[in-house]
Amino acid sequence: MTTEERIIKVIASHLEMEESEITEATTFEDLGVDSLDAVEIMMELEDEFGVEVKAEEAGKSVKELADYLNAKLG
């Protein structure tokens, strides 16, 4: 499973939506994610990937978030 697929799975689960509704280009704004959701999703991603995720550095789209996480994971 790719980083993008893992991110999409976490987001879809958190927002109770179908994974197919989210693509690499999808932004958190597109999904209507508020600040509380964003914090909770970032915490879930920290658990999923085992690294600290800083929301202000994570980007605005699934692709940007995946690039950020891939860089942190080495």
C-alpha atoms as a PDB file:
ATOM      1  CA  MET A   1       0.000   0.000   0.000  1.00  0.00           C
ATOM      2  CA  THR A   2       1.418   3.394  -0.967  1.00  0.00           C
ATOM      3  CA  THR A   3       1.707   6.369   1.344  1.00  0.00           C
ATOM      4  CA  GLU A   4      -1.114   8.058  -0.574  1.00  0.00           C
ATOM      5  CA  GLU A   5      -3.369   5.018  -0.166  1.00  0.00           C
ATOM      6  CA  ARG A   6      -2.649   4.856   3.559  1.00  0.00           C
ATOM      7  CA  ILE A   7      -3.435   8.574   3.947  1.00  0.00           C
ATOM      8  CA  ILE A   8      -6.660   8.228   1.978  1.00  0.00           C
ATOM      9  CA  LYS A   9      -7.694   5.271   4.148  1.00  0.00           C
ATOM     10  CA  VAL A  10      -7.143   7.263   7.360  1.00  0.00           C
ATOM     11  CA  ILE A  11      -8.973  10.348   6.053  1.00  0.00           C
ATOM     12  CA  ALA A  12     -11.898   8.344   4.654  1.00  0.00           C
ATOM     13  CA  SER A  13     -12.259   6.426   7.905  1.00  0.00           C
ATOM     14  CA  HIS A  14     -12.156   9.602   9.994  1.00  0.00           C
ATOM     15  CA  LEU A  15     -14.668  11.445   7.799  1.00  0.00           C
ATOM     16  CA  GLU A  16     -16.845   8.341   7.316  1.00  0.00           C
ATOM     17  CA  MET A  17     -16.710   8.501   3.540  1.00  0.00           C
ATOM     18  CA  GLU A  18     -15.695   6.223   0.683  1.00  0.00           C
ATOM     19  CA  GLU A  19     -11.988   6.068  -0.145  1.00  0.00           C
ATOM     20  CA  SER A  20     -12.920   6.418  -3.828  1.00  0.00           C
ATOM     21  CA  GLU A  21     -14.150   9.964  -3.112  1.00  0.00           C
ATOM     22  CA  ILE A  22     -10.592  11.068  -2.258  1.00  0.00           C
ATOM     23  CA  THR A  23      -7.727  11.442  -4.756  1.00  0.00           C
ATOM     24  CA  GLU A  24      -4.132  12.661  -4.546  1.00  0.00           C
ATOM     25  CA  ALA A  25      -5.342  16.099  -5.676  1.00  0.00           C
ATOM     26  CA  THR A  26      -8.044  16.327  -3.002  1.00  0.00           C
ATOM     27  CA  THR A  27      -7.421  19.090  -0.486  1.00  0.00           C
ATOM     28  CA  PHE A  28      -8.591  19.266   3.097  1.00  0.00           C
ATOM     29  CA  GLU A  29     -10.634  22.302   2.065  1.00  0.00           C
ATOM     30  CA  ASP A  30     -12.368  20.186  -0.606  1.00  0.00           C
ATOM     31  CA  LEU A  31     -13.358  17.758   2.138  1.00  0.00           C
ATOM     32  CA  GLY A  32     -14.654  20.479   4.447  1.00  0.00           C
ATOM     33  CA  VAL A  33     -12.154  19.555   7.166  1.00  0.00           C
ATOM     34  CA  ASP A  34     -12.291  21.953  10.102  1.00  0.00           C
ATOM     35  CA  SER A  35      -9.419  22.611  12.500  1.00  0.00           C
ATOM     36  CA  LEU A  36     -10.538  19.938  14.991  1.00  0.00           C
ATOM     37  CA  ASP A  37     -10.824  17.319  12.237  1.00  0.00           C
ATOM     38  CA  ALA A  38      -7.400  18.346  10.934  1.00  0.00           C
ATOM     39  CA  VAL A  39      -5.779  17.855  14.344  1.00  0.00           C
ATOM     40  CA  GLU A  40      -7.484  14.488  14.828  1.00  0.00           C
ATOM     41  CA  ILE A  41      -6.478  13.313  11.336  1.00  0.00           C
ATOM     42  CA  MET A  42      -2.875  14.378  11.936  1.00  0.00           C
ATOM     43  CA  MET A  43      -2.835  12.406  15.206  1.00  0.00           C
ATOM     44  CA  GLU A  44      -4.223   9.348  13.406  1.00  0.00           C
ATOM     45  CA  LEU A  45      -1.542   9.736  10.713  1.00  0.00           C
ATOM     46  CA  GLU A  46       1.143   9.948  13.424  1.00  0.00           C
ATOM     47  CA  ASP A  47      -0.107   6.614  14.755  1.00  0.00           C
ATOM     48  CA  GLU A  48      -0.259   5.121  11.247  1.00  0.00           C
ATOM     49  CA  PHE A  49       3.232   6.234  10.181  1.00  0.00           C
ATOM     50  CA  GLY A  50       5.064   6.491  13.511  1.00  0.00           C
ATOM     51  CA  VAL A  51       6.341  10.030  12.884  1.00  0.00           C
ATOM     52  CA  GLU A  52       5.387  13.475  14.135  1.00  0.00           C
ATOM     53  CA  VAL A  53       3.124  15.327  11.691  1.00  0.00           C
ATOM     54  CA  LYS A  54       3.053  19.120  11.859  1.00  0.00           C
ATOM     55  CA  ALA A  55      -0.145  20.381  10.242  1.00  0.00           C
ATOM     56  CA  GLU A  56       1.465  23.643   9.185  1.00  0.00           C
ATOM     57  CA  GLU A  57       4.121  21.732   7.228  1.00  0.00           C
ATOM     58  CA  ALA A  58       1.948  18.929   5.847  1.00  0.00           C
ATOM     59  CA  GLY A  59       0.600  20.762   2.802  1.00  0.00           C
ATOM     60  CA  LYS A  60      -2.925  21.236   1.548  1.00  0.00           C
ATOM     61  CA  SER A  61      -3.552  18.123  -0.564  1.00  0.00           C
ATOM     62  CA  VAL A  62      -3.191  14.386  -0.161  1.00  0.00           C
ATOM     63  CA  LYS A  63      -0.229  14.468  -2.583  1.00  0.00           C
ATOM     64  CA  GLU A  64       1.548  17.229  -0.616  1.00  0.00           C
ATOM     65  CA  LEU A  65       0.912  15.360   2.632  1.00  0.00           C
ATOM     66  CA  ALA A  66       2.282  12.139   1.111  1.00  0.00           C
ATOM     67  CA  ASP A  67       5.398  13.952  -0.116  1.00  0.00           C
ATOM     68  CA  TYR A  68       5.863  15.428   3.374  1.00  0.00           C
ATOM     69  CA  LEU A  69       5.494  12.029   5.057  1.00  0.00           C
ATOM     70  CA  ASN A  70       7.752  10.279   2.540  1.00  0.00           C
ATOM     71  CA  ALA A  71      10.453  12.884   3.253  1.00  0.00           C
ATOM     72  CA  LYS A  72      10.115  12.328   7.009  1.00  0.00           C
ATOM     73  CA  LEU A  73      10.223   8.562   6.572  1.00  0.00           C
ATOM     74  CA  GLY A  74      13.347   8.774   4.464  1.00  0.00           C
END
